[in-house]
PDB file of all heavy atoms in Angstrom:
ATOM      1  N   PRO A   1       0.830  -1.268   0.020  1.00  0.00           N
ATOM      2  CA  PRO A   1       0.038  -0.005  -0.020  1.00  0.00           C
ATOM      3  C   PRO A   1       0.862   1.293  -0.018  1.00  0.00           C
ATOM      4  O   PRO A   1       0.316   2.334  -0.218  1.00  0.00           O
ATOM      5  CB  PRO A   1      -0.838  -0.098   1.267  1.00  0.00           C
ATOM      6  CG  PRO A   1      -0.267  -1.184   2.006  1.00  0.00           C
ATOM      7  CD  PRO A   1       0.611  -2.116   1.147  1.00  0.00           C
ATOM      8  N   ASN A   2       2.132   1.093   0.206  1.00  0.00           N
ATOM      9  CA  ASN A   2       2.967   2.344   0.216  1.00  0.00           C
ATOM     10  C   ASN A   2       3.634   2.664  -1.118  1.00  0.00           C
ATOM     11  O   ASN A   2       4.538   3.379  -1.229  1.00  0.00           O
ATOM     12  CB  ASN A   2       4.077   2.245   1.274  1.00  0.00           C
ATOM     13  CG  ASN A   2       3.464   2.105   2.673  1.00  0.00           C
ATOM     14  OD1 ASN A   2       2.560   2.820   2.939  1.00  0.00           O
ATOM     15  ND2 ASN A   2       4.100   1.281   3.487  1.00  0.00           N
ATOM     16  N   THR A   3       3.187   1.987  -2.164  1.00  0.00           N
ATOM     17  CA  THR A   3       3.668   2.184  -3.514  1.00  0.00           C
ATOM     18  C   THR A   3       2.622   2.722  -4.437  1.00  0.00           C
ATOM     19  O   THR A   3       1.408   2.758  -4.047  1.00  0.00           O
ATOM     20  CB  THR A   3       4.208   0.879  -4.121  1.00  0.00           C
ATOM     21  OG1 THR A   3       3.111  -0.070  -4.207  1.00  0.00           O
ATOM     22  CG2 THR A   3       5.316   0.233  -3.252  1.00  0.00           C
ATOM     23  N   ALA A   4       2.954   3.163  -5.598  1.00  0.00           N
ATOM     24  CA  ALA A   4       2.043   3.694  -6.576  1.00  0.00           C
ATOM     25  C   ALA A   4       0.975   2.589  -6.912  1.00  0.00           C
ATOM     26  O   ALA A   4      -0.233   2.824  -7.004  1.00  0.00           O
ATOM     27  CB  ALA A   4       2.667   4.076  -7.820  1.00  0.00           C
ATOM     28  N   ASP A   5       1.423   1.360  -7.028  1.00  0.00           N
ATOM     29  CA  ASP A   5       0.489   0.270  -7.401  1.00  0.00           C
ATOM     30  C   ASP A   5      -0.513   0.069  -6.240  1.00  0.00           C
ATOM     31  O   ASP A   5      -1.706  -0.181  -6.491  1.00  0.00           O
ATOM     32  CB  ASP A   5       1.286  -1.095  -7.639  1.00  0.00           C
ATOM     33  CG  ASP A   5       2.023  -1.070  -8.919  1.00  0.00           C
ATOM     34  OD1 ASP A   5       1.611  -0.355  -9.836  1.00  0.00           O
ATOM     35  OD2 ASP A   5       2.937  -1.834  -9.067  1.00  0.00           O
ATOM     36  N   GLY A   6      -0.058   0.157  -5.054  1.00  0.00           N
ATOM     37  CA  GLY A   6      -0.922   0.001  -3.858  1.00  0.00           C
ATOM     38  C   GLY A   6      -1.938   1.076  -3.843  1.00  0.00           C
ATOM     39  O   GLY A   6      -3.141   0.884  -3.533  1.00  0.00           O
ATOM     40  N   GLU A   7      -1.510   2.307  -4.146  1.00  0.00           N
ATOM     41  CA  GLU A   7      -2.478   3.413  -4.158  1.00  0.00           C
ATOM     42  C   GLU A   7      -3.539   3.244  -5.282  1.00  0.00           C
ATOM     43  O   GLU A   7      -4.696   3.555  -5.058  1.00  0.00           O
ATOM     44  CB  GLU A   7      -1.736   4.728  -4.298  1.00  0.00           C
ATOM     45  CG  GLU A   7      -0.981   5.228  -3.102  1.00  0.00           C
ATOM     46  CD  GLU A   7      -1.914   5.377  -1.871  1.00  0.00           C
ATOM     47  OE1 GLU A   7      -3.065   5.930  -2.076  1.00  0.00           O
ATOM     48  OE2 GLU A   7      -1.489   4.983  -0.770  1.00  0.00           O
ATOM     49  N   LEU A   8      -3.093   2.816  -6.402  1.00  0.00           N
ATOM     50  CA  LEU A   8      -4.008   2.536  -7.472  1.00  0.00           C
ATOM     51  C   LEU A   8      -5.050   1.470  -7.098  1.00  0.00           C
ATOM     52  O   LEU A   8      -6.229   1.544  -7.378  1.00  0.00           O
ATOM     53  CB  LEU A   8      -3.295   2.116  -8.811  1.00  0.00           C
ATOM     54  CG  LEU A   8      -2.468   3.267  -9.448  1.00  0.00           C
ATOM     55  CD1 LEU A   8      -1.717   2.703 -10.625  1.00  0.00           C
ATOM     56  CD2 LEU A   8      -3.465   4.327  -9.864  1.00  0.00           C
ATOM     57  N   GLN A   9      -4.587   0.414  -6.325  1.00  0.00           N
ATOM     58  CA  GLN A   9      -5.487  -0.573  -5.834  1.00  0.00           C
ATOM     59  C   GLN A   9      -6.476  -0.028  -4.823  1.00  0.00           C
ATOM     60  O   GLN A   9      -7.599  -0.375  -4.768  1.00  0.00           O
ATOM     61  CB  GLN A   9      -4.764  -1.753  -5.381  1.00  0.00           C
ATOM     62  CG  GLN A   9      -4.129  -2.648  -6.417  1.00  0.00           C
ATOM     63  CD  GLN A   9      -3.471  -3.852  -5.817  1.00  0.00           C
ATOM     64  OE1 GLN A   9      -3.418  -4.118  -4.695  1.00  0.00           O
ATOM     65  NE2 GLN A   9      -2.966  -4.701  -6.730  1.00  0.00           N
ATOM     66  N   ASN A  10      -5.972   0.960  -3.985  1.00  0.00           N
ATOM     67  CA  ASN A  10      -6.859   1.604  -3.018  1.00  0.00           C
ATOM     68  C   ASN A  10      -7.948   2.372  -3.739  1.00  0.00           C
ATOM     69  O   ASN A  10      -9.108   2.309  -3.349  1.00  0.00           O
ATOM     70  CB  ASN A  10      -6.015   2.486  -2.127  1.00  0.00           C
ATOM     71  CG  ASN A  10      -5.189   1.766  -1.165  1.00  0.00           C
ATOM     72  OD1 ASN A  10      -5.428   0.647  -0.835  1.00  0.00           O
ATOM     73  ND2 ASN A  10      -4.232   2.437  -0.610  1.00  0.00           N
ATOM     74  N   ILE A  11      -7.585   3.113  -4.724  1.00  0.00           N
ATOM     75  CA  ILE A  11      -8.538   3.863  -5.519  1.00  0.00           C
ATOM     76  C   ILE A  11      -9.540   2.921  -6.292  1.00  0.00           C
ATOM     77  O   ILE A  11     -10.792   3.221  -6.229  1.00  0.00           O
ATOM     78  CB  ILE A  11      -7.868   4.791  -6.609  1.00  0.00           C
ATOM     79  CG1 ILE A  11      -7.067   5.883  -5.849  1.00  0.00           C
ATOM     80  CG2 ILE A  11      -8.854   5.397  -7.463  1.00  0.00           C
ATOM     81  CD1 ILE A  11      -6.078   6.638  -6.707  1.00  0.00           C
ATOM     82  N   ALA A  12      -9.080   1.878  -6.785  1.00  0.00           N
ATOM     83  CA  ALA A  12      -9.990   0.927  -7.439  1.00  0.00           C
ATOM     84  C   ALA A  12     -10.940   0.285  -6.423  1.00  0.00           C
ATOM     85  O   ALA A  12     -12.160   0.182  -6.744  1.00  0.00           O
ATOM     86  CB  ALA A  12      -9.135  -0.164  -8.146  1.00  0.00           C
ATOM     87  N   ALA A  13     -10.474   0.012  -5.284  1.00  0.00           N
ATOM     88  CA  ALA A  13     -11.295  -0.597  -4.214  1.00  0.00           C
ATOM     89  C   ALA A  13     -12.361   0.405  -3.770  1.00  0.00           C
ATOM     90  O   ALA A  13     -13.527   0.031  -3.536  1.00  0.00           O
ATOM     91  CB  ALA A  13     -10.502  -1.088  -3.012  1.00  0.00           C
ATOM     92  N   PHE A  14     -11.992   1.743  -3.656  1.00  0.00           N
ATOM     93  CA  PHE A  14     -13.001   2.714  -3.246  1.00  0.00           C
ATOM     94  C   PHE A  14     -13.984   2.852  -4.328  1.00  0.00           C
ATOM     95  O   PHE A  14     -15.183   2.912  -4.054  1.00  0.00           O
ATOM     96  CB  PHE A  14     -12.279   4.042  -3.023  1.00  0.00           C
ATOM     97  CG  PHE A  14     -13.113   5.162  -2.729  1.00  0.00           C
ATOM     98  CD1 PHE A  14     -13.700   5.337  -1.486  1.00  0.00           C
ATOM     99  CD2 PHE A  14     -13.520   6.085  -3.740  1.00  0.00           C
ATOM    100  CE1 PHE A  14     -14.571   6.408  -1.240  1.00  0.00           C
ATOM    101  CE2 PHE A  14     -14.344   7.104  -3.499  1.00  0.00           C
ATOM    102  CZ  PHE A  14     -14.879   7.300  -2.237  1.00  0.00           C
ATOM    103  N   SER A  15     -13.559   2.859  -5.586  1.00  0.00           N
ATOM    104  CA  SER A  15     -14.511   3.030  -6.719  1.00  0.00           C
ATOM    105  C   SER A  15     -15.448   1.866  -6.806  1.00  0.00           C
ATOM    106  O   SER A  15     -16.681   2.014  -7.002  1.00  0.00           O
ATOM    107  CB  SER A  15     -13.740   3.160  -8.045  1.00  0.00           C
ATOM    108  OG  SER A  15     -12.897   4.280  -7.998  1.00  0.00           O
ATOM    109  N   ALA A  16     -14.975   0.602  -6.553  1.00  0.00           N
ATOM    110  CA  ALA A  16     -15.815  -0.527  -6.663  1.00  0.00           C
ATOM    111  C   ALA A  16     -16.808  -0.524  -5.510  1.00  0.00           C
ATOM    112  O   ALA A  16     -18.014  -0.843  -5.729  1.00  0.00           O
ATOM    113  CB  ALA A  16     -14.941  -1.802  -6.537  1.00  0.00           C
ATOM    114  N   GLY A  17     -16.443  -0.118  -4.363  1.00  0.00           N
ATOM    115  CA  GLY A  17     -17.387   0.060  -3.223  1.00  0.00           C
ATOM    116  C   GLY A  17     -18.400   1.115  -3.450  1.00  0.00           C
ATOM    117  O   GLY A  17     -19.590   0.973  -3.159  1.00  0.00           O
ATOM    118  N   PHE A  18     -17.960   2.195  -4.050  1.00  0.00           N
ATOM    119  CA  PHE A  18     -18.845   3.330  -4.370  1.00  0.00           C
ATOM    120  C   PHE A  18     -19.923   2.956  -5.387  1.00  0.00           C
ATOM    121  O   PHE A  18     -21.038   3.348  -5.206  1.00  0.00           O
ATOM    122  CB  PHE A  18     -17.949   4.541  -4.825  1.00  0.00           C
ATOM    123  CG  PHE A  18     -18.733   5.786  -4.868  1.00  0.00           C
ATOM    124  CD1 PHE A  18     -19.092   6.469  -3.722  1.00  0.00           C
ATOM    125  CD2 PHE A  18     -19.090   6.366  -6.106  1.00  0.00           C
ATOM    126  CE1 PHE A  18     -19.769   7.663  -3.752  1.00  0.00           C
ATOM    127  CE2 PHE A  18     -19.732   7.539  -6.160  1.00  0.00           C
ATOM    128  CZ  PHE A  18     -20.080   8.212  -5.001  1.00  0.00           C
ATOM    129  N   THR A  19     -19.590   2.199  -6.344  1.00  0.00           N
ATOM    130  CA  THR A  19     -20.525   1.793  -7.405  1.00  0.00           C
ATOM    131  C   THR A  19     -21.601   0.845  -6.887  1.00  0.00           C
ATOM    132  O   THR A  19     -22.687   0.745  -7.495  1.00  0.00           O
ATOM    133  CB  THR A  19     -19.832   1.180  -8.662  1.00  0.00           C
ATOM    134  OG1 THR A  19     -19.042   0.076  -8.207  1.00  0.00           O
ATOM    135  CG2 THR A  19     -18.888   2.182  -9.321  1.00  0.00           C
ATOM    136  N   ARG A  20     -21.306   0.128  -5.786  1.00  0.00           N
ATOM    137  CA  ARG A  20     -22.262  -0.764  -5.249  1.00  0.00           C
ATOM    138  C   ARG A  20     -23.285  -0.105  -4.429  1.00  0.00           C
ATOM    139  O   ARG A  20     -24.351  -0.734  -4.071  1.00  0.00           O
ATOM    140  CB  ARG A  20     -21.506  -1.913  -4.424  1.00  0.00           C
ATOM    141  CG  ARG A  20     -20.753  -2.900  -5.295  1.00  0.00           C
ATOM    142  CD  ARG A  20     -20.364  -4.075  -4.447  1.00  0.00           C
ATOM    143  NE  ARG A  20     -19.547  -3.724  -3.380  1.00  0.00           N
ATOM    144  CZ  ARG A  20     -18.182  -3.852  -3.409  1.00  0.00           C
ATOM    145  NH1 ARG A  20     -17.551  -4.406  -4.427  1.00  0.00           N
ATOM    146  NH2 ARG A  20     -17.405  -3.525  -2.286  1.00  0.00           N
ATOM    147  N   LEU A  21     -23.092   1.163  -4.059  1.00  0.00           N
ATOM    148  CA  LEU A  21     -24.061   1.859  -3.227  1.00  0.00           C
ATOM    149  C   LEU A  21     -25.306   2.210  -4.093  1.00  0.00           C
ATOM    150  O   LEU A  21     -25.213   2.441  -5.271  1.00  0.00           O
ATOM    151  CB  LEU A  21     -23.403   3.096  -2.674  1.00  0.00           C
ATOM    152  CG  LEU A  21     -22.343   2.924  -1.651  1.00  0.00           C
ATOM    153  CD1 LEU A  21     -21.796   4.262  -1.227  1.00  0.00           C
ATOM    154  CD2 LEU A  21     -22.888   2.159  -0.442  1.00  0.00           C
ATOM    155  N   SER A  22     -26.434   2.319  -3.396  1.00  0.00           N
ATOM    156  CA  SER A  22     -27.653   2.724  -4.076  1.00  0.00           C
ATOM    157  C   SER A  22     -28.562   3.432  -3.016  1.00  0.00           C
ATOM    158  O   SER A  22     -28.364   3.297  -1.811  1.00  0.00           O
ATOM    159  CB  SER A  22     -28.371   1.576  -4.690  1.00  0.00           C
ATOM    160  OG  SER A  22     -28.829   0.669  -3.631  1.00  0.00           O
ATOM    161  N   GLY A  23     -29.451   4.163  -3.536  1.00  0.00           N
ATOM    162  CA  GLY A  23     -30.472   4.798  -2.709  1.00  0.00           C
ATOM    163  C   GLY A  23     -29.898   5.967  -1.855  1.00  0.00           C
ATOM    164  O   GLY A  23     -28.967   6.657  -2.276  1.00  0.00           O
ATOM    165  N   PRO A  24     -30.364   6.065  -0.571  1.00  0.00           N
ATOM    166  CA  PRO A  24     -29.898   7.215   0.266  1.00  0.00           C
ATOM    167  C   PRO A  24     -28.368   7.081   0.550  1.00  0.00           C
ATOM    168  O   PRO A  24     -27.743   8.173   0.734  1.00  0.00           O
ATOM    169  CB  PRO A  24     -30.695   7.071   1.535  1.00  0.00           C
ATOM    170  CG  PRO A  24     -31.731   5.988   1.264  1.00  0.00           C
ATOM    171  CD  PRO A  24     -31.387   5.331  -0.007  1.00  0.00           C
ATOM    172  N   ARG A  25     -27.851   5.963   0.675  1.00  0.00           N
ATOM    173  CA  ARG A  25     -26.406   5.797   1.023  1.00  0.00           C
ATOM    174  C   ARG A  25     -25.591   6.388  -0.138  1.00  0.00           C
ATOM    175  O   ARG A  25     -24.588   7.006   0.078  1.00  0.00           O
ATOM    176  CB  ARG A  25     -26.033   4.350   1.261  1.00  0.00           C
ATOM    177  CG  ARG A  25     -26.576   3.836   2.552  1.00  0.00           C
ATOM    178  CD  ARG A  25     -26.032   2.423   2.800  1.00  0.00           C
ATOM    179  NE  ARG A  25     -26.511   1.965   4.105  1.00  0.00           N
ATOM    180  CZ  ARG A  25     -26.226   0.821   4.626  1.00  0.00           C
ATOM    181  NH1 ARG A  25     -25.516  -0.049   3.941  1.00  0.00           N
ATOM    182  NH2 ARG A  25     -26.679   0.467   5.823  1.00  0.00           N
ATOM    183  N   ARG A  26     -25.957   6.079  -1.373  1.00  0.00           N
ATOM    184  CA  ARG A  26     -25.252   6.645  -2.527  1.00  0.00           C
ATOM    185  C   ARG A  26     -25.343   8.232  -2.499  1.00  0.00           C
ATOM    186  O   ARG A  26     -24.338   8.909  -2.734  1.00  0.00           O
ATOM    187  CB  ARG A  26     -25.788   6.046  -3.813  1.00  0.00           C
ATOM    188  CG  ARG A  26     -24.982   6.585  -5.025  1.00  0.00           C
ATOM    189  CD  ARG A  26     -25.406   5.881  -6.275  1.00  0.00           C
ATOM    190  NE  ARG A  26     -24.779   6.424  -7.425  1.00  0.00           N
ATOM    191  CZ  ARG A  26     -23.528   6.065  -7.835  1.00  0.00           C
ATOM    192  NH1 ARG A  26     -22.866   5.157  -7.226  1.00  0.00           N
ATOM    193  NH2 ARG A  26     -23.012   6.660  -8.933  1.00  0.00           N
ATOM    194  N   THR A  27     -26.573   8.731  -2.215  1.00  0.00           N
ATOM    195  CA  THR A  27     -26.737  10.163  -2.246  1.00  0.00           C
ATOM    196  C   THR A  27     -25.855  10.825  -1.145  1.00  0.00           C
ATOM    197  O   THR A  27     -25.145  11.811  -1.402  1.00  0.00           O
ATOM    198  CB  THR A  27     -28.220  10.519  -1.903  1.00  0.00           C
ATOM    199  OG1 THR A  27     -29.057   9.862  -2.920  1.00  0.00           O
ATOM    200  CG2 THR A  27     -28.389  11.989  -1.922  1.00  0.00           C
ATOM    201  N   VAL A  28     -25.767  10.280   0.010  1.00  0.00           N
ATOM    202  CA  VAL A  28     -24.924  10.762   1.114  1.00  0.00           C
ATOM    203  C   VAL A  28     -23.433  10.660   0.712  1.00  0.00           C
ATOM    204  O   VAL A  28     -22.676  11.623   0.932  1.00  0.00           O
ATOM    205  CB  VAL A  28     -25.167  10.071   2.430  1.00  0.00           C
ATOM    206  CG1 VAL A  28     -24.126  10.365   3.424  1.00  0.00           C
ATOM    207  CG2 VAL A  28     -26.570  10.329   2.920  1.00  0.00           C
ATOM    208  N   ALA A  29     -22.992   9.569   0.082  1.00  0.00           N
ATOM    209  CA  ALA A  29     -21.635   9.439  -0.333  1.00  0.00           C
ATOM    210  C   ALA A  29     -21.280  10.461  -1.430  1.00  0.00           C
ATOM    211  O   ALA A  29     -20.248  11.065  -1.398  1.00  0.00           O
ATOM    212  CB  ALA A  29     -21.419   8.038  -0.847  1.00  0.00           C
ATOM    213  N   VAL A  30     -22.197  10.671  -2.383  1.00  0.00           N
ATOM    214  CA  VAL A  30     -21.919  11.591  -3.448  1.00  0.00           C
ATOM    215  C   VAL A  30     -21.811  13.017  -2.850  1.00  0.00           C
ATOM    216  O   VAL A  30     -20.899  13.820  -3.196  1.00  0.00           O
ATOM    217  CB  VAL A  30     -23.035  11.599  -4.515  1.00  0.00           C
ATOM    218  CG1 VAL A  30     -22.990  12.805  -5.441  1.00  0.00           C
ATOM    219  CG2 VAL A  30     -22.920  10.326  -5.353  1.00  0.00           C
TER     220      VAL A  30
END
């Protein structure tokens, strides 16, 4: 996680979690 590859994986994990949200939780996250 302390490398560029690790940071890219962190961003990808955040994006994947963000896309699974729906309804009021997605609105609050946005």
